[in-house]
C-alpha atoms as a PDB file:
ATOM      1  CA  UNK A   1      21.015 -19.217 -16.389  1.00  0.00           C
ATOM      2  CA  UNK A   2      21.430 -20.785 -12.972  1.00  0.00           C
ATOM      3  CA  UNK A   3      18.428 -21.204 -10.667  1.00  0.00           C
ATOM      4  CA  UNK A   4      19.730 -18.343  -8.547  1.00  0.00           C
ATOM      5  CA  UNK A   5      19.313 -15.891 -11.441  1.00  0.00           C
ATOM      6  CA  UNK A   6      15.591 -16.555 -11.659  1.00  0.00           C
ATOM      7  CA  UNK A   7      15.118 -14.708  -8.379  1.00  0.00           C
ATOM      8  CA  UNK A   8      16.821 -11.459  -9.311  1.00  0.00           C
ATOM      9  CA  UNK A   9      13.588  -9.627 -10.053  1.00  0.00           C
ATOM     10  CA  UNK A  10      12.026 -10.597  -6.736  1.00  0.00           C
ATOM     11  CA  UNK A  11      15.126 -10.630  -4.553  1.00  0.00           C
ATOM     12  CA  UNK A  12      14.315  -9.313  -1.100  1.00  0.00           C
ATOM     13  CA  UNK A  13      17.695  -9.816   0.548  1.00  0.00           C
ATOM     14  CA  UNK A  14      16.380 -12.308   3.097  1.00  0.00           C
ATOM     15  CA  UNK A  15      15.923 -15.493   1.123  1.00  0.00           C
ATOM     16  CA  UNK A  16      18.029 -18.583   1.068  1.00  0.00           C
ATOM     17  CA  UNK A  17      19.995 -18.728  -2.151  1.00  0.00           C
ATOM     18  CA  UNK A  18      17.672 -16.346  -4.014  1.00  0.00           C
ATOM     19  CA  UNK A  19      15.506 -19.214  -5.227  1.00  0.00           C
ATOM     20  CA  UNK A  20      12.068 -18.165  -6.416  1.00  0.00           C
ATOM     21  CA  UNK A  21       9.453 -19.147  -8.993  1.00  0.00           C
ATOM     22  CA  UNK A  22       9.458 -15.696 -10.603  1.00  0.00           C
ATOM     23  CA  UNK A  23      10.523 -15.143 -14.203  1.00  0.00           C
ATOM     24  CA  UNK A  24      14.190 -14.826 -15.103  1.00  0.00           C
ATOM     25  CA  UNK A  25      15.625 -11.323 -15.137  1.00  0.00           C
ATOM     26  CA  UNK A  26      18.093  -9.137 -13.318  1.00  0.00           C
ATOM     27  CA  UNK A  27      17.470  -6.134 -11.087  1.00  0.00           C
ATOM     28  CA  UNK A  28      20.217  -4.572  -9.006  1.00  0.00           C
ATOM     29  CA  UNK A  29      18.867  -4.281  -5.467  1.00  0.00           C
ATOM     30  CA  UNK A  30      20.828  -2.687  -2.637  1.00  0.00           C
ATOM     31  CA  UNK A  31      21.767  -4.821   0.340  1.00  0.00           C
ATOM     32  CA  UNK A  32      20.270  -4.338   3.776  1.00  0.00           C
ATOM     33  CA  UNK A  33      22.631  -2.452   6.077  1.00  0.00           C
ATOM     34  CA  UNK A  34      21.560  -3.265   9.648  1.00  0.00           C
ATOM     35  CA  UNK A  35      22.293  -6.580  11.344  1.00  0.00           C
ATOM     36  CA  UNK A  36      21.378  -7.864  14.812  1.00  0.00           C
ATOM     37  CA  UNK A  37      24.152  -9.213  17.027  1.00  0.00           C
ATOM     38  CA  UNK A  38      24.023 -12.976  17.460  1.00  0.00           C
ATOM     39  CA  UNK A  39      21.914 -13.543  14.359  1.00  0.00           C
ATOM     40  CA  UNK A  40      22.738 -14.221  10.723  1.00  0.00           C
ATOM     41  CA  UNK A  41      22.873 -11.595   7.987  1.00  0.00           C
ATOM     42  CA  UNK A  42      22.816 -11.700   4.193  1.00  0.00           C
ATOM     43  CA  UNK A  43      25.247  -9.317   2.510  1.00  0.00           C
ATOM     44  CA  UNK A  44      23.634  -8.581  -0.826  1.00  0.00           C
ATOM     45  CA  UNK A  45      25.610  -7.878  -3.974  1.00  0.00           C
ATOM     46  CA  UNK A  46      24.194  -7.929  -7.516  1.00  0.00           C
ATOM     47  CA  UNK A  47      25.851  -7.009 -10.802  1.00  0.00           C
ATOM     48  CA  UNK A  48      23.635  -7.485 -13.846  1.00  0.00           C
ATOM     49  CA  UNK A  49      24.996  -8.046 -17.326  1.00  0.00           C
ATOM     50  CA  UNK A  50      23.830  -5.459 -19.846  1.00  0.00           C
ATOM     51  CA  UNK A  51      23.069  -8.230 -22.335  1.00  0.00           C
ATOM     52  CA  UNK A  52      21.620 -11.382 -20.804  1.00  0.00           C
ATOM     53  CA  UNK A  53      22.249 -13.464 -23.924  1.00  0.00           C
ATOM     54  CA  UNK A  54      26.034 -12.942 -23.741  1.00  0.00           C
ATOM     55  CA  UNK A  55      27.852 -15.784 -21.995  1.00  0.00           C
ATOM     56  CA  UNK A  56      30.274 -14.827 -19.263  1.00  0.00           C
ATOM     57  CA  UNK A  57      32.554 -16.111 -16.560  1.00  0.00           C
ATOM     58  CA  UNK A  58      32.988 -14.267 -13.281  1.00  0.00           C
ATOM     59  CA  UNK A  59      34.598 -14.497  -9.879  1.00  0.00           C
ATOM     60  CA  UNK A  60      33.561 -12.592  -6.765  1.00  0.00           C
ATOM     61  CA  UNK A  61      35.729 -11.218  -3.970  1.00  0.00           C
ATOM     62  CA  UNK A  62      34.594  -9.719  -0.682  1.00  0.00           C
ATOM     63  CA  UNK A  63      36.682  -7.268   1.347  1.00  0.00           C
ATOM     64  CA  UNK A  64      36.108  -5.854   4.832  1.00  0.00           C
ATOM     65  CA  UNK A  65      37.306  -2.724   6.613  1.00  0.00           C
ATOM     66  CA  UNK A  66      36.355  -2.067  10.225  1.00  0.00           C
ATOM     67  CA  UNK A  67      35.893   1.444  11.587  1.00  0.00           C
ATOM     68  CA  UNK A  68      39.294   1.275  13.284  1.00  0.00           C
ATOM     69  CA  UNK A  69      41.180   0.250  10.136  1.00  0.00           C
ATOM     70  CA  UNK A  70      42.294   2.186   7.064  1.00  0.00           C
ATOM     71  CA  UNK A  71      42.835  -0.726   4.676  1.00  0.00           C
ATOM     72  CA  UNK A  72      40.477  -3.395   3.386  1.00  0.00           C
ATOM     73  CA  UNK A  73      41.098  -7.017   4.269  1.00  0.00           C
ATOM     74  CA  UNK A  74      40.384  -9.746   1.703  1.00  0.00           C
ATOM     75  CA  UNK A  75      37.912 -12.060   3.453  1.00  0.00           C
ATOM     76  CA  UNK A  76      36.244 -14.212   0.769  1.00  0.00           C
ATOM     77  CA  UNK A  77      36.740 -15.459  -2.787  1.00  0.00           C
ATOM     78  CA  UNK A  78      34.312 -17.395  -4.988  1.00  0.00           C
ATOM     79  CA  UNK A  79      35.280 -19.065  -8.248  1.00  0.00           C
ATOM     80  CA  UNK A  80      32.551 -21.548  -9.091  1.00  0.00           C
ATOM     81  CA  UNK A  81      32.265 -24.061  -7.562  1.00  0.00           C
ATOM     82  CA  UNK A  82      34.940 -23.218  -4.980  1.00  0.00           C
ATOM     83  CA  UNK A  83      34.329 -20.846  -2.061  1.00  0.00           C
ATOM     84  CA  UNK A  84      37.314 -19.752   0.027  1.00  0.00           C
ATOM     85  CA  UNK A  85      37.265 -17.916   3.371  1.00  0.00           C
ATOM     86  CA  UNK A  86      40.489 -15.905   3.570  1.00  0.00           C
ATOM     87  CA  UNK A  87      40.211 -14.182   6.961  1.00  0.00           C
ATOM     88  CA  UNK A  88      40.330 -16.061  10.271  1.00  0.00           C
ATOM     89  CA  UNK A  89      37.854 -13.615  11.832  1.00  0.00           C
ATOM     90  CA  UNK A  90      35.219 -14.992   9.436  1.00  0.00           C
ATOM     91  CA  UNK A  91      36.329 -18.618   9.610  1.00  0.00           C
ATOM     92  CA  UNK A  92      33.354 -21.004   9.316  1.00  0.00           C
ATOM     93  CA  UNK A  93      30.975 -18.022   9.384  1.00  0.00           C
ATOM     94  CA  UNK A  94      30.693 -17.143   5.687  1.00  0.00           C
ATOM     95  CA  UNK A  95      28.479 -19.024   3.235  1.00  0.00           C
ATOM     96  CA  UNK A  96      28.052 -18.409  -0.474  1.00  0.00           C
ATOM     97  CA  UNK A  97      24.447 -17.463  -1.320  1.00  0.00           C
ATOM     98  CA  UNK A  98      24.946 -16.264  -4.871  1.00  0.00           C
ATOM     99  CA  UNK A  99      24.639 -17.676  -8.388  1.00  0.00           C
ATOM    100  CA  UNK A 100      25.551 -21.343  -8.594  1.00  0.00           C
ATOM    101  CA  UNK A 101      27.374 -21.368 -11.917  1.00  0.00           C
ATOM    102  CA  UNK A 102      30.302 -19.530 -13.516  1.00  0.00           C
ATOM    103  CA  UNK A 103      28.071 -16.799 -15.020  1.00  0.00           C
ATOM    104  CA  UNK A 104      27.666 -15.009 -11.681  1.00  0.00           C
ATOM    105  CA  UNK A 105      25.325 -12.055 -11.308  1.00  0.00           C
ATOM    106  CA  UNK A 106      24.415 -12.498  -7.635  1.00  0.00           C
ATOM    107  CA  UNK A 107      27.447 -12.376  -5.358  1.00  0.00           C
ATOM    108  CA  UNK A 108      25.737 -12.513  -1.965  1.00  0.00           C
ATOM    109  CA  UNK A 109      27.315 -14.078   1.119  1.00  0.00           C
ATOM    110  CA  UNK A 110      25.686 -15.009   4.413  1.00  0.00           C
ATOM    111  CA  UNK A 111      27.413 -14.160   7.706  1.00  0.00           C
ATOM    112  CA  UNK A 112      26.575 -16.424  10.632  1.00  0.00           C
ATOM    113  CA  UNK A 113      26.588 -15.278  14.260  1.00  0.00           C
ATOM    114  CA  UNK A 114      27.058 -11.556  13.646  1.00  0.00           C
ATOM    115  CA  UNK A 115      29.148  -9.695  16.256  1.00  0.00           C
ATOM    116  CA  UNK A 116      29.710  -6.002  16.886  1.00  0.00           C
ATOM    117  CA  UNK A 117      33.200  -6.453  15.434  1.00  0.00           C
ATOM    118  CA  UNK A 118      31.537  -7.089  12.061  1.00  0.00           C
ATOM    119  CA  UNK A 119      30.460  -3.439  11.888  1.00  0.00           C
ATOM    120  CA  UNK A 120      32.199  -1.664   9.043  1.00  0.00           C
ATOM    121  CA  UNK A 121      32.474  -1.378   5.269  1.00  0.00           C
ATOM    122  CA  UNK A 122      32.169  -4.385   2.965  1.00  0.00           C
ATOM    123  CA  UNK A 123      33.230  -4.250  -0.669  1.00  0.00           C
ATOM    124  CA  UNK A 124      32.051  -6.778  -3.212  1.00  0.00           C
ATOM    125  CA  UNK A 125      34.056  -7.015  -6.455  1.00  0.00           C
ATOM    126  CA  UNK A 126      33.024  -8.822  -9.635  1.00  0.00           C
ATOM    127  CA  UNK A 127      35.751  -9.779 -12.101  1.00  0.00           C
ATOM    128  CA  UNK A 128      33.775 -10.689 -15.213  1.00  0.00           C
ATOM    129  CA  UNK A 129      34.869 -11.887 -18.643  1.00  0.00           C
ATOM    130  CA  UNK A 130      32.293 -11.468 -21.414  1.00  0.00           C
ATOM    131  CA  UNK A 131      32.607 -13.944 -24.289  1.00  0.00           C
ATOM    132  CA  UNK A 132      31.858 -11.734 -27.294  1.00  0.00           C
ATOM    133  CA  UNK A 133      31.957 -12.891 -30.947  1.00  0.00           C
ATOM    134  CA  UNK A 134      35.041 -10.871 -31.919  1.00  0.00           C
ATOM    135  CA  UNK A 135      36.976 -10.797 -28.651  1.00  0.00           C
ATOM    136  CA  UNK A 136      36.515 -11.286 -24.944  1.00  0.00           C
ATOM    137  CA  UNK A 137      35.921  -8.257 -22.739  1.00  0.00           C
ATOM    138  CA  UNK A 138      36.985  -7.988 -19.099  1.00  0.00           C
ATOM    139  CA  UNK A 139      34.826  -5.947 -16.718  1.00  0.00           C
ATOM    140  CA  UNK A 140      35.290  -5.116 -13.036  1.00  0.00           C
ATOM    141  CA  UNK A 141      32.300  -4.039 -10.946  1.00  0.00           C
ATOM    142  CA  UNK A 142      32.321  -3.012  -7.280  1.00  0.00           C
ATOM    143  CA  UNK A 143      29.530  -2.689  -4.736  1.00  0.00           C
ATOM    144  CA  UNK A 144      29.912  -1.236  -1.224  1.00  0.00           C
ATOM    145  CA  UNK A 145      27.813  -2.068   1.845  1.00  0.00           C
ATOM    146  CA  UNK A 146      28.050  -0.040   5.072  1.00  0.00           C
ATOM    147  CA  UNK A 147      27.006  -2.493   7.776  1.00  0.00           C
ATOM    148  CA  UNK A 148      25.858  -1.500  11.260  1.00  0.00           C
ATOM    149  CA  UNK A 149      25.396  -4.095  14.012  1.00  0.00           C
ATOM    150  CA  UNK A 150      22.793  -3.391  16.713  1.00  0.00           C
ATOM    151  CA  UNK A 151      21.812  -5.220  19.883  1.00  0.00           C
ATOM    152  CA  UNK A 152      18.139  -5.531  18.949  1.00  0.00           C
ATOM    153  CA  UNK A 153      16.270  -5.018  15.720  1.00  0.00           C
ATOM    154  CA  UNK A 154      14.592  -1.647  15.284  1.00  0.00           C
ATOM    155  CA  UNK A 155      10.886  -1.785  14.772  1.00  0.00           C
ATOM    156  CA  UNK A 156       9.842  -0.640  11.345  1.00  0.00           C
ATOM    157  CA  UNK A 157       6.986   1.742  10.641  1.00  0.00           C
ATOM    158  CA  UNK A 158       4.929  -1.074   9.142  1.00  0.00           C
ATOM    159  CA  UNK A 159       5.113  -3.185  12.312  1.00  0.00           C
ATOM    160  CA  UNK A 160       4.211  -0.189  14.511  1.00  0.00           C
ATOM    161  CA  UNK A 161       1.202   0.688  12.342  1.00  0.00           C
ATOM    162  CA  UNK A 162       0.157  -2.982  12.264  1.00  0.00           C
ATOM    163  CA  UNK A 163       0.277  -3.186  16.065  1.00  0.00           C
ATOM    164  CA  UNK A 164      -1.756   0.025  16.430  1.00  0.00           C
ATOM    165  CA  UNK A 165      -4.332  -1.294  13.969  1.00  0.00           C
ATOM    166  CA  UNK A 166      -4.502  -4.546  15.913  1.00  0.00           C
ATOM    167  CA  UNK A 167      -5.301  -2.713  19.166  1.00  0.00           C
ATOM    168  CA  UNK A 168      -7.852  -0.509  17.395  1.00  0.00           C
ATOM    169  CA  UNK A 169      -9.494  -3.617  15.955  1.00  0.00           C
ATOM    170  CA  UNK A 170      -9.596  -5.258  19.393  1.00  0.00           C
ATOM    171  CA  UNK A 171     -11.279  -2.166  20.908  1.00  0.00           C
ATOM    172  CA  UNK A 172     -13.792  -1.987  18.041  1.00  0.00           C
ATOM    173  CA  UNK A 173     -14.626  -5.678  18.421  1.00  0.00           C
ATOM    174  CA  UNK A 174     -15.095  -5.270  22.175  1.00  0.00           C
ATOM    175  CA  UNK A 175     -17.425  -2.297  21.659  1.00  0.00           C
ATOM    176  CA  UNK A 176     -19.336  -4.250  19.032  1.00  0.00           C
ATOM    177  CA  UNK A 177     -19.641  -7.209  21.413  1.00  0.00           C
ATOM    178  CA  UNK A 178     -20.945  -4.933  24.182  1.00  0.00           C
ATOM    179  CA  UNK A 179     -23.478  -3.424  21.767  1.00  0.00           C
ATOM    180  CA  UNK A 180     -24.636  -6.900  20.717  1.00  0.00           C
ATOM    181  CA  UNK A 181     -25.012  -7.992  24.359  1.00  0.00           C
ATOM    182  CA  UNK A 182     -27.018  -4.855  25.204  1.00  0.00           C
ATOM    183  CA  UNK A 183     -29.234  -5.385  22.156  1.00  0.00           C
ATOM    184  CA  UNK A 184     -29.825  -9.038  23.030  1.00  0.00           C
ATOM    185  CA  UNK A 185     -30.576  -8.157  26.658  1.00  0.00           C
ATOM    186  CA  UNK A 186     -33.100  -5.499  25.616  1.00  0.00           C
ATOM    187  CA  UNK A 187     -34.711  -7.875  23.141  1.00  0.00           C
ATOM    188  CA  UNK A 188     -35.038 -10.630  25.755  1.00  0.00           C
ATOM    189  CA  UNK A 189     -36.373  -8.155  28.332  1.00  0.00           C
ATOM    190  CA  UNK A 190     -38.937  -6.763  25.883  1.00  0.00           C
ATOM    191  CA  UNK A 191     -40.093 -10.282  25.000  1.00  0.00           C
ATOM    192  CA  UNK A 192     -40.377 -11.060  28.715  1.00  0.00           C
ATOM    193  CA  UNK A 193     -42.450  -7.926  29.312  1.00  0.00           C
ATOM    194  CA  UNK A 194     -44.681  -8.786  26.340  1.00  0.00           C
ATOM    195  CA  UNK A 195     -45.314 -12.268  27.755  1.00  0.00           C
ATOM    196  CA  UNK A 196     -46.095 -10.853  31.198  1.00  0.00           C
ATOM    197  CA  UNK A 197     -48.411  -8.263  29.661  1.00  0.00           C
ATOM    198  CA  UNK A 198     -50.241 -10.967  27.704  1.00  0.00           C
ATOM    199  CA  UNK A 199     -50.558 -13.085  30.852  1.00  0.00           C
ATOM    200  CA  UNK A 200     -51.939 -10.118  32.804  1.00  0.00           C
ATOM    201  CA  UNK A 201     -54.371  -9.290  30.009  1.00  0.00           C
ATOM    202  CA  UNK A 202     -55.512 -12.896  29.809  1.00  0.00           C
ATOM    203  CA  UNK A 203     -55.956 -13.061  33.578  1.00  0.00           C
ATOM    204  CA  UNK A 204     -57.944  -9.825  33.474  1.00  0.00           C
ATOM    205  CA  UNK A 205     -60.164 -11.219  30.725  1.00  0.00           C
ATOM    206  CA  UNK A 206     -60.782 -14.352  32.801  1.00  0.00           C
ATOM    207  CA  UNK A 207     -61.733 -12.238  35.830  1.00  0.00           C
ATOM    208  CA  UNK A 208     -64.090 -10.112  33.741  1.00  0.00           C
ATOM    209  CA  UNK A 209     -65.699 -13.228  32.305  1.00  0.00           C
ATOM    210  CA  UNK A 210     -66.145 -14.686  35.792  1.00  0.00           C
ATOM    211  CA  UNK A 211     -67.640 -11.394  36.966  1.00  0.00           C
ATOM    212  CA  UNK A 212     -70.080 -11.378  34.057  1.00  0.00           C
ATOM    213  CA  UNK A 213     -71.137 -14.944  34.844  1.00  0.00           C
ATOM    214  CA  UNK A 214     -71.745 -14.038  38.488  1.00  0.00           C
ATOM    215  CA  UNK A 215     -73.810 -11.024  37.464  1.00  0.00           C
ATOM    216  CA  UNK A 216     -75.983 -13.161  35.176  1.00  0.00           C
ATOM    217  CA  UNK A 217     -76.564 -15.711  37.938  1.00  0.00           C
ATOM    218  CA  UNK A 218     -77.624 -13.003  40.399  1.00  0.00           C
ATOM    219  CA  UNK A 219     -79.987 -11.509  37.816  1.00  0.00           C
ATOM    220  CA  UNK A 220     -81.741 -14.854  37.314  1.00  0.00           C
ATOM    221  CA  UNK A 221     -82.183 -15.255  41.034  1.00  0.00           C
END
């Protein structure tokens, strides 16, 4: 298998070329469906073979239909190692990010500089030939991605919770710091009072001793 296939189990839809140190395997993961205008976006498309040990040859085609159109437009074709952009609207903006050999299972493409005009339906089509012992078998698989383009990325629940936890942690740390300062101040003040009390007691003992000495002297006289 190609290096790209080794990432199918841990594909997250945001990597570069699906490269990863995880074990080889194939898991069909849905593509993300929300892109941010002006940024890049990875259109995911995975079609796993039912039997990994069977050799195959495949090509991948991408089609696009905007909300205003009724028909799909053929925008991209990949036949290893050749990638062809077929629609001027996507000229120099599409990059192949799928499997890098003829046995394609990942048919992802990366769109650069997303615009609001890229909102619509994308269809990914695998044309696969399985090389079986008795005869070859042709299989066609399609995947559909409904893409929405937004001005700014929506904040996910995880990021919101993380931010709340951060503020809670900051408040807790500040309260803890205040408690430590109060404790240290009280400890220093108590030590100061103990020293002053010892000094006063010592001074009192000295005065009493002096008084006793004076009394003894007067008694002798």
